[in-house]
Amino acid sequence: MKKITYISTLEFTYTPHSGAHYLVNGHNQNHGQISESIVKHRLGLYTETNPSTSYDNGSDIEEYNASVKSENASLAKDLHGTTNEQIKTFFKNVHSSVFVFVDFDDKTAETSEWWMDKREFGKFVRLFTRLDYDSKTHEPKIRFKSASRNMISWLDAQC
């Protein structure tokens, strides 16, 4: 695992917009979208939109075959079954081979990225996710926990 820490230079405004609090170049983004945008911006790949691609058909950052996750993000859409069944299905079918967990402070722009391979990400998923329910379908879904001191300490210890 590799950690990269920096001050993001992606310009955004925090807004009261429901569910998508970050305004970037006139586009509202939710926490997961802004996290992906920040990583892409640092890599010189940001294009103002983040295409929505199924976990089994593509990656958030195709150039790196990387999936980007942040606190409270869901593992993937359209997974079914128990928590263990959903995790097994995800890892059996996921297109990405690299996984980036992002934590940023929207006031200071301090950002940390942890780049993981599939094995490392598997450990992370098993330790730092919780079962939640989809707000529309009420189906169970796996969601990452908030970025706690415990989570950050664990990530840092893996580097």
N, C-alpha and C. Protein backbone atom coordinates (compact mmCIF):
# COMPACT_ATOMS: atom_id res chain seq x y z
N MET A 1 0.84 -1.18 0.00
CA MET A 1 0.00 0.00 0.00
C MET A 1 0.88 1.24 0.00
N LYS A 2 0.40 2.26 -0.71
CA LYS A 2 1.16 3.51 -0.81
C LYS A 2 0.25 4.67 -0.42
N LYS A 3 0.78 5.59 0.39
CA LYS A 3 0.02 6.77 0.80
C LYS A 3 0.61 8.01 0.15
N ILE A 4 -0.28 8.87 -0.32
CA ILE A 4 0.10 10.16 -0.89
C ILE A 4 -0.72 11.22 -0.17
N THR A 5 -0.06 12.23 0.41
CA THR A 5 -0.74 13.32 1.10
C THR A 5 -0.34 14.64 0.46
N TYR A 6 -1.31 15.52 0.26
CA TYR A 6 -1.06 16.79 -0.41
C TYR A 6 -2.21 17.76 -0.13
N ILE A 7 -2.04 18.98 -0.55
CA ILE A 7 -3.12 19.97 -0.52
C ILE A 7 -3.71 20.02 -1.92
N SER A 8 -4.98 19.68 -2.02
CA SER A 8 -5.63 19.67 -3.33
C SER A 8 -5.78 21.08 -3.87
N THR A 9 -5.58 21.22 -5.18
CA THR A 9 -5.75 22.51 -5.83
C THR A 9 -7.02 22.57 -6.67
N LEU A 10 -7.85 21.53 -6.61
CA LEU A 10 -9.13 21.54 -7.31
C LEU A 10 -10.04 22.55 -6.63
N GLU A 11 -10.51 23.52 -7.39
CA GLU A 11 -11.37 24.56 -6.82
C GLU A 11 -12.81 24.08 -6.76
N PHE A 12 -13.43 24.24 -5.58
CA PHE A 12 -14.84 23.90 -5.42
C PHE A 12 -15.43 24.78 -4.33
N THR A 13 -16.75 24.82 -4.31
CA THR A 13 -17.49 25.57 -3.30
C THR A 13 -18.41 24.60 -2.59
N TYR A 14 -18.48 24.71 -1.27
CA TYR A 14 -19.41 23.88 -0.50
C TYR A 14 -20.77 24.58 -0.54
N THR A 15 -21.83 23.85 -0.92
CA THR A 15 -23.16 24.43 -1.06
C THR A 15 -24.18 23.64 -0.23
N PRO A 16 -25.35 24.20 0.00
CA PRO A 16 -26.38 23.47 0.74
C PRO A 16 -27.18 22.49 -0.13
N HIS A 17 -26.77 22.28 -1.36
CA HIS A 17 -27.49 21.39 -2.28
C HIS A 17 -27.64 20.00 -1.67
N SER A 18 -28.83 19.50 -1.63
CA SER A 18 -29.12 18.21 -1.00
C SER A 18 -28.38 17.05 -1.67
N GLY A 19 -27.52 16.38 -0.90
CA GLY A 19 -26.84 15.19 -1.39
C GLY A 19 -25.62 15.44 -2.25
N ALA A 20 -25.51 16.63 -2.81
CA ALA A 20 -24.36 16.95 -3.68
C ALA A 20 -23.86 18.33 -3.28
N HIS A 21 -23.09 18.36 -2.20
CA HIS A 21 -22.72 19.62 -1.56
C HIS A 21 -21.56 20.37 -2.20
N TYR A 22 -20.91 19.78 -3.19
CA TYR A 22 -19.71 20.40 -3.75
C TYR A 22 -20.01 20.90 -5.16
N LEU A 23 -19.73 22.17 -5.38
CA LEU A 23 -19.95 22.79 -6.69
C LEU A 23 -18.59 22.97 -7.35
N VAL A 24 -18.40 22.30 -8.50
CA VAL A 24 -17.15 22.36 -9.25
C VAL A 24 -17.49 22.78 -10.68
N ASN A 25 -17.02 23.96 -11.08
CA ASN A 25 -17.26 24.46 -12.44
C ASN A 25 -18.74 24.35 -12.83
N GLY A 26 -19.63 24.72 -11.92
CA GLY A 26 -21.06 24.72 -12.21
C GLY A 26 -21.74 23.37 -12.08
N HIS A 27 -21.02 22.33 -11.69
CA HIS A 27 -21.59 20.99 -11.53
C HIS A 27 -21.60 20.59 -10.06
N ASN A 28 -22.76 20.18 -9.57
CA ASN A 28 -22.83 19.68 -8.20
C ASN A 28 -22.32 18.25 -8.14
N GLN A 29 -21.53 17.97 -7.10
CA GLN A 29 -20.98 16.63 -6.91
C GLN A 29 -21.20 16.20 -5.47
N ASN A 30 -21.44 14.90 -5.29
CA ASN A 30 -21.54 14.37 -3.94
C ASN A 30 -20.13 14.08 -3.42
N HIS A 31 -20.04 13.55 -2.22
CA HIS A 31 -18.72 13.32 -1.60
C HIS A 31 -17.86 12.36 -2.40
N GLY A 32 -18.46 11.29 -2.89
CA GLY A 32 -17.71 10.33 -3.70
C GLY A 32 -17.23 10.92 -5.01
N GLN A 33 -18.07 11.73 -5.64
CA GLN A 33 -17.70 12.35 -6.91
C GLN A 33 -16.57 13.37 -6.73
N ILE A 34 -16.64 14.17 -5.67
CA ILE A 34 -15.57 15.15 -5.45
C ILE A 34 -14.27 14.44 -5.08
N SER A 35 -14.36 13.34 -4.35
CA SER A 35 -13.16 12.57 -4.01
C SER A 35 -12.49 12.06 -5.28
N GLU A 36 -13.29 11.50 -6.18
CA GLU A 36 -12.75 11.03 -7.47
C GLU A 36 -12.17 12.19 -8.27
N SER A 37 -12.86 13.32 -8.28
CA SER A 37 -12.38 14.49 -9.02
C SER A 37 -11.04 14.99 -8.48
N ILE A 38 -10.90 14.99 -7.16
CA ILE A 38 -9.65 15.45 -6.54
C ILE A 38 -8.48 14.57 -6.98
N VAL A 39 -8.68 13.25 -6.95
CA VAL A 39 -7.61 12.33 -7.37
C VAL A 39 -7.27 12.54 -8.85
N LYS A 40 -8.30 12.61 -9.68
CA LYS A 40 -8.07 12.80 -11.12
C LYS A 40 -7.37 14.13 -11.40
N HIS A 41 -7.75 15.16 -10.65
CA HIS A 41 -7.12 16.48 -10.82
C HIS A 41 -5.63 16.40 -10.50
N ARG A 42 -5.29 15.73 -9.40
CA ARG A 42 -3.87 15.58 -9.04
C ARG A 42 -3.11 14.83 -10.12
N LEU A 43 -3.76 13.85 -10.74
CA LEU A 43 -3.11 13.06 -11.79
C LEU A 43 -3.11 13.74 -13.16
N GLY A 44 -3.76 14.90 -13.26
CA GLY A 44 -3.85 15.60 -14.54
C GLY A 44 -4.89 15.00 -15.48
N LEU A 45 -5.88 14.31 -14.93
CA LEU A 45 -6.88 13.60 -15.74
C LEU A 45 -8.29 14.15 -15.57
N TYR A 46 -8.48 15.16 -14.76
CA TYR A 46 -9.83 15.64 -14.47
C TYR A 46 -10.47 16.32 -15.68
N THR A 47 -11.70 15.96 -15.96
CA THR A 47 -12.41 16.50 -17.13
C THR A 47 -13.75 17.12 -16.78
N GLU A 48 -14.01 17.43 -15.53
CA GLU A 48 -15.23 18.04 -15.01
C GLU A 48 -16.39 17.07 -14.84
N THR A 49 -16.33 15.89 -15.42
CA THR A 49 -17.38 14.90 -15.19
C THR A 49 -16.73 13.56 -14.88
N ASN A 50 -17.41 12.80 -14.08
CA ASN A 50 -16.95 11.46 -13.73
C ASN A 50 -17.99 10.47 -14.24
N PRO A 51 -17.69 9.78 -15.33
CA PRO A 51 -18.69 8.86 -15.87
C PRO A 51 -19.07 7.79 -14.86
N SER A 52 -20.32 7.42 -14.86
CA SER A 52 -20.81 6.37 -13.98
C SER A 52 -20.64 5.03 -14.70
N THR A 53 -19.70 4.24 -14.21
CA THR A 53 -19.40 2.96 -14.83
C THR A 53 -19.61 1.86 -13.82
N SER A 54 -20.25 0.79 -14.22
CA SER A 54 -20.49 -0.35 -13.34
C SER A 54 -19.15 -0.94 -12.90
N TYR A 55 -19.09 -1.40 -11.65
CA TYR A 55 -17.85 -1.94 -11.08
C TYR A 55 -17.29 -3.11 -11.88
N ASP A 56 -18.13 -3.81 -12.61
CA ASP A 56 -17.67 -4.98 -13.36
C ASP A 56 -17.38 -4.68 -14.83
N ASN A 57 -17.61 -3.43 -15.24
CA ASN A 57 -17.38 -3.05 -16.64
C ASN A 57 -16.28 -2.02 -16.84
N GLY A 58 -15.81 -1.40 -15.80
CA GLY A 58 -14.79 -0.38 -15.95
C GLY A 58 -14.29 0.12 -14.62
N SER A 59 -13.44 1.14 -14.69
CA SER A 59 -12.83 1.71 -13.49
C SER A 59 -13.09 3.21 -13.46
N ASP A 60 -13.02 3.79 -12.27
CA ASP A 60 -13.17 5.24 -12.14
C ASP A 60 -12.05 5.98 -12.86
N ILE A 61 -10.84 5.42 -12.78
CA ILE A 61 -9.69 6.01 -13.48
C ILE A 61 -9.14 4.92 -14.40
N GLU A 62 -9.64 4.89 -15.61
CA GLU A 62 -9.28 3.83 -16.56
C GLU A 62 -7.77 3.76 -16.82
N GLU A 63 -7.12 4.92 -16.84
CA GLU A 63 -5.68 4.97 -17.12
C GLU A 63 -4.87 4.19 -16.09
N TYR A 64 -5.41 4.01 -14.91
CA TYR A 64 -4.73 3.29 -13.83
C TYR A 64 -5.47 2.00 -13.44
N ASN A 65 -6.56 1.71 -14.13
CA ASN A 65 -7.43 0.57 -13.79
C ASN A 65 -7.82 0.64 -12.31
N ALA A 66 -8.14 1.87 -11.87
CA ALA A 66 -8.34 2.14 -10.44
C ALA A 66 -9.77 2.54 -10.12
N SER A 67 -10.25 2.01 -8.99
CA SER A 67 -11.53 2.38 -8.42
C SER A 67 -11.27 3.31 -7.24
N VAL A 68 -12.04 4.39 -7.14
CA VAL A 68 -11.86 5.37 -6.08
C VAL A 68 -13.01 5.25 -5.08
N LYS A 69 -12.67 5.17 -3.80
CA LYS A 69 -13.66 5.09 -2.73
C LYS A 69 -13.34 6.12 -1.66
N SER A 70 -14.38 6.50 -0.92
CA SER A 70 -14.22 7.44 0.19
C SER A 70 -15.19 7.03 1.30
N GLU A 71 -15.12 7.74 2.41
CA GLU A 71 -15.98 7.38 3.53
C GLU A 71 -17.45 7.40 3.13
N ASN A 72 -18.18 6.44 3.66
CA ASN A 72 -19.62 6.28 3.45
C ASN A 72 -20.03 5.90 2.02
N ALA A 73 -19.05 5.65 1.16
CA ALA A 73 -19.36 5.21 -0.21
C ALA A 73 -19.87 3.77 -0.16
N SER A 74 -20.70 3.42 -1.13
CA SER A 74 -21.10 2.02 -1.22
C SER A 74 -20.01 1.25 -1.97
N LEU A 75 -19.93 -0.03 -1.71
CA LEU A 75 -18.94 -0.86 -2.38
C LEU A 75 -19.25 -0.93 -3.86
N ALA A 76 -20.50 -1.18 -4.21
CA ALA A 76 -20.93 -1.22 -5.62
C ALA A 76 -22.45 -1.29 -5.65
N LYS A 77 -23.01 -0.93 -6.79
CA LYS A 77 -24.45 -1.07 -7.00
C LYS A 77 -24.75 -2.49 -7.47
N ASP A 78 -25.97 -2.89 -7.25
CA ASP A 78 -26.50 -4.15 -7.77
C ASP A 78 -25.81 -5.40 -7.24
N LEU A 79 -25.35 -5.36 -6.00
CA LEU A 79 -24.87 -6.57 -5.34
C LEU A 79 -26.02 -7.10 -4.49
N HIS A 80 -26.14 -8.41 -4.41
CA HIS A 80 -27.26 -9.01 -3.69
C HIS A 80 -26.76 -10.09 -2.75
N GLY A 81 -27.58 -10.41 -1.75
CA GLY A 81 -27.24 -11.48 -0.82
C GLY A 81 -26.73 -10.95 0.50
N THR A 82 -26.15 -11.86 1.28
CA THR A 82 -25.58 -11.50 2.57
C THR A 82 -24.34 -10.63 2.35
N THR A 83 -23.82 -10.09 3.42
CA THR A 83 -22.61 -9.28 3.33
C THR A 83 -21.48 -10.08 2.68
N ASN A 84 -21.25 -11.31 3.16
CA ASN A 84 -20.18 -12.14 2.59
C ASN A 84 -20.42 -12.46 1.13
N GLU A 85 -21.67 -12.73 0.75
CA GLU A 85 -21.98 -13.02 -0.65
C GLU A 85 -21.74 -11.79 -1.53
N GLN A 86 -22.10 -10.61 -1.03
CA GLN A 86 -21.87 -9.38 -1.80
C GLN A 86 -20.37 -9.13 -1.99
N ILE A 87 -19.59 -9.33 -0.94
CA ILE A 87 -18.15 -9.12 -1.04
C ILE A 87 -17.53 -10.11 -2.01
N LYS A 88 -17.92 -11.38 -1.94
CA LYS A 88 -17.40 -12.39 -2.87
C LYS A 88 -17.76 -12.04 -4.31
N THR A 89 -19.00 -11.65 -4.54
CA THR A 89 -19.43 -11.27 -5.89
C THR A 89 -18.63 -10.09 -6.40
N PHE A 90 -18.44 -9.09 -5.55
CA PHE A 90 -17.67 -7.91 -5.93
C PHE A 90 -16.26 -8.32 -6.38
N PHE A 91 -15.54 -9.05 -5.56
CA PHE A 91 -14.15 -9.38 -5.88
C PHE A 91 -14.03 -10.37 -7.03
N LYS A 92 -15.04 -11.18 -7.24
CA LYS A 92 -15.02 -12.10 -8.36
C LYS A 92 -15.20 -11.36 -9.69
N ASN A 93 -15.96 -10.25 -9.67
CA ASN A 93 -16.34 -9.58 -10.91
C ASN A 93 -15.75 -8.19 -11.12
N VAL A 94 -15.08 -7.64 -10.12
CA VAL A 94 -14.61 -6.26 -10.24
C VAL A 94 -13.59 -6.11 -11.38
N HIS A 95 -13.76 -5.06 -12.14
CA HIS A 95 -12.88 -4.77 -13.28
C HIS A 95 -11.53 -4.21 -12.80
N SER A 96 -11.56 -3.38 -11.79
CA SER A 96 -10.35 -2.70 -11.31
C SER A 96 -9.38 -3.66 -10.65
N SER A 97 -8.11 -3.32 -10.73
CA SER A 97 -7.07 -4.08 -10.03
C SER A 97 -6.36 -3.20 -9.00
N VAL A 98 -6.67 -1.91 -9.02
CA VAL A 98 -6.09 -0.93 -8.10
C VAL A 98 -7.26 -0.21 -7.43
N PHE A 99 -7.09 0.09 -6.13
CA PHE A 99 -8.16 0.73 -5.38
C PHE A 99 -7.56 1.89 -4.59
N VAL A 100 -8.24 3.04 -4.64
CA VAL A 100 -7.76 4.25 -3.98
C VAL A 100 -8.80 4.70 -2.97
N PHE A 101 -8.42 4.74 -1.70
CA PHE A 101 -9.30 5.30 -0.69
C PHE A 101 -8.84 6.73 -0.45
N VAL A 102 -9.79 7.68 -0.47
CA VAL A 102 -9.48 9.11 -0.38
C VAL A 102 -10.14 9.69 0.86
N ASP A 103 -9.38 10.49 1.58
CA ASP A 103 -9.90 11.25 2.71
C ASP A 103 -9.42 12.68 2.53
N PHE A 104 -10.36 13.64 2.57
CA PHE A 104 -9.95 15.04 2.42
C PHE A 104 -10.73 15.93 3.37
N ASP A 105 -10.11 17.05 3.71
CA ASP A 105 -10.72 18.05 4.57
C ASP A 105 -11.23 19.16 3.65
N ASP A 106 -12.54 19.37 3.60
CA ASP A 106 -13.06 20.35 2.66
C ASP A 106 -12.82 21.80 3.08
N LYS A 107 -12.26 22.01 4.27
CA LYS A 107 -11.90 23.37 4.68
C LYS A 107 -10.44 23.69 4.37
N THR A 108 -9.54 22.73 4.59
CA THR A 108 -8.11 22.97 4.38
C THR A 108 -7.60 22.39 3.05
N ALA A 109 -8.39 21.53 2.43
CA ALA A 109 -8.04 20.84 1.18
C ALA A 109 -6.93 19.81 1.38
N GLU A 110 -6.57 19.53 2.64
CA GLU A 110 -5.58 18.47 2.88
C GLU A 110 -6.21 17.14 2.48
N THR A 111 -5.48 16.42 1.66
CA THR A 111 -5.99 15.18 1.07
C THR A 111 -4.99 14.06 1.27
N SER A 112 -5.52 12.87 1.58
CA SER A 112 -4.70 11.66 1.64
C SER A 112 -5.33 10.62 0.74
N GLU A 113 -4.47 9.94 0.01
CA GLU A 113 -4.89 8.84 -0.85
C GLU A 113 -4.10 7.61 -0.42
N TRP A 114 -4.77 6.48 -0.30
CA TRP A 114 -4.11 5.21 -0.05
C TRP A 114 -4.37 4.32 -1.26
N TRP A 115 -3.32 3.96 -1.97
CA TRP A 115 -3.41 3.13 -3.17
C TRP A 115 -3.16 1.69 -2.77
N MET A 116 -4.10 0.80 -3.12
CA MET A 116 -4.05 -0.60 -2.69
C MET A 116 -4.21 -1.54 -3.87
N ASP A 117 -3.68 -2.73 -3.70
CA ASP A 117 -3.97 -3.79 -4.67
C ASP A 117 -5.23 -4.52 -4.19
N LYS A 118 -5.67 -5.50 -4.93
CA LYS A 118 -6.91 -6.20 -4.64
C LYS A 118 -6.88 -6.90 -3.28
N ARG A 119 -5.75 -7.50 -2.93
CA ARG A 119 -5.63 -8.21 -1.65
C ARG A 119 -5.73 -7.22 -0.49
N GLU A 120 -5.02 -6.11 -0.58
CA GLU A 120 -5.05 -5.10 0.47
C GLU A 120 -6.46 -4.50 0.60
N PHE A 121 -7.08 -4.24 -0.53
CA PHE A 121 -8.42 -3.67 -0.52
C PHE A 121 -9.41 -4.66 0.10
N GLY A 122 -9.23 -5.94 -0.14
CA GLY A 122 -10.09 -6.96 0.46
C GLY A 122 -10.05 -6.91 1.97
N LYS A 123 -8.84 -6.78 2.53
CA LYS A 123 -8.71 -6.66 3.99
C LYS A 123 -9.42 -5.40 4.49
N PHE A 124 -9.20 -4.31 3.77
CA PHE A 124 -9.81 -3.02 4.13
C PHE A 124 -11.34 -3.13 4.12
N VAL A 125 -11.89 -3.74 3.08
CA VAL A 125 -13.34 -3.90 2.96
C VAL A 125 -13.89 -4.71 4.14
N ARG A 126 -13.23 -5.78 4.49
CA ARG A 126 -13.72 -6.63 5.57
C ARG A 126 -13.66 -5.95 6.94
N LEU A 127 -12.72 -5.02 7.11
CA LEU A 127 -12.59 -4.33 8.40
C LEU A 127 -13.41 -3.05 8.51
N PHE A 128 -13.60 -2.34 7.40
CA PHE A 128 -14.13 -0.98 7.49
C PHE A 128 -15.37 -0.72 6.64
N THR A 129 -16.22 -1.73 6.55
CA THR A 129 -17.52 -1.52 5.90
C THR A 129 -18.62 -1.94 6.87
N ARG A 130 -19.81 -1.56 6.55
CA ARG A 130 -20.98 -1.90 7.36
C ARG A 130 -22.13 -2.21 6.43
N LEU A 131 -23.11 -2.91 6.93
CA LEU A 131 -24.30 -3.20 6.15
C LEU A 131 -25.26 -2.03 6.27
N ASP A 132 -25.76 -1.57 5.15
CA ASP A 132 -26.71 -0.47 5.09
C ASP A 132 -27.84 -0.92 4.18
N TYR A 133 -28.81 -0.06 3.96
CA TYR A 133 -29.92 -0.40 3.08
C TYR A 133 -30.12 0.70 2.06
N ASP A 134 -30.32 0.32 0.81
CA ASP A 134 -30.54 1.27 -0.27
C ASP A 134 -31.80 2.09 0.04
N SER A 135 -31.71 3.41 -0.10
CA SER A 135 -32.83 4.28 0.25
C SER A 135 -34.02 4.10 -0.69
N LYS A 136 -33.80 3.63 -1.90
CA LYS A 136 -34.90 3.45 -2.85
C LYS A 136 -35.46 2.03 -2.83
N THR A 137 -34.57 1.05 -2.91
CA THR A 137 -35.02 -0.35 -3.02
C THR A 137 -35.09 -1.06 -1.68
N HIS A 138 -34.48 -0.48 -0.66
CA HIS A 138 -34.40 -1.08 0.69
C HIS A 138 -33.62 -2.40 0.69
N GLU A 139 -32.89 -2.66 -0.38
CA GLU A 139 -32.03 -3.85 -0.46
C GLU A 139 -30.79 -3.61 0.39
N PRO A 140 -30.25 -4.66 1.02
CA PRO A 140 -29.01 -4.48 1.78
C PRO A 140 -27.85 -4.13 0.86
N LYS A 141 -26.99 -3.24 1.34
CA LYS A 141 -25.80 -2.86 0.56
C LYS A 141 -24.65 -2.61 1.50
N ILE A 142 -23.46 -2.80 1.00
CA ILE A 142 -22.25 -2.61 1.79
C ILE A 142 -21.78 -1.18 1.60
N ARG A 143 -21.51 -0.52 2.72
CA ARG A 143 -21.08 0.87 2.70
C ARG A 143 -19.85 1.01 3.59
N PHE A 144 -18.90 1.84 3.15
CA PHE A 144 -17.72 2.12 3.97
C PHE A 144 -18.10 2.94 5.18
N LYS A 145 -17.39 2.72 6.26
CA LYS A 145 -17.60 3.49 7.48
C LYS A 145 -16.99 4.88 7.30
N SER A 146 -17.30 5.77 8.22
CA SER A 146 -16.69 7.10 8.22
C SER A 146 -15.19 6.95 8.49
N ALA A 147 -14.43 7.90 8.00
CA ALA A 147 -12.97 7.86 8.15
C ALA A 147 -12.59 8.21 9.59
N SER A 148 -12.55 7.22 10.44
CA SER A 148 -12.22 7.40 11.85
C SER A 148 -10.71 7.36 12.07
N ARG A 149 -10.30 7.73 13.28
CA ARG A 149 -8.87 7.62 13.63
C ARG A 149 -8.39 6.18 13.50
N ASN A 150 -9.25 5.25 13.89
CA ASN A 150 -8.91 3.83 13.81
C ASN A 150 -8.67 3.41 12.36
N MET A 151 -9.54 3.84 11.46
CA MET A 151 -9.39 3.51 10.05
C MET A 151 -8.10 4.11 9.49
N ILE A 152 -7.88 5.39 9.76
CA ILE A 152 -6.69 6.08 9.22
C ILE A 152 -5.42 5.44 9.79
N SER A 153 -5.42 5.11 11.07
CA SER A 153 -4.26 4.45 11.68
C SER A 153 -4.00 3.10 11.03
N TRP A 154 -5.06 2.35 10.77
CA TRP A 154 -4.90 1.04 10.12
C TRP A 154 -4.33 1.21 8.71
N LEU A 155 -4.88 2.13 7.96
CA LEU A 155 -4.38 2.38 6.60
C LEU A 155 -2.91 2.77 6.65
N ASP A 156 -2.55 3.71 7.52
CA ASP A 156 -1.16 4.17 7.62
C ASP A 156 -0.22 3.03 8.00
N ALA A 157 -0.67 2.13 8.87
CA ALA A 157 0.17 1.02 9.30
C ALA A 157 0.44 0.01 8.17
N GLN A 158 -0.40 0.02 7.15
CA GLN A 158 -0.21 -0.91 6.02
C GLN A 158 0.78 -0.39 4.99
N CYS A 159 1.13 0.88 5.09
CA CYS A 159 2.02 1.49 4.09
C CYS A 159 3.48 1.07 4.29
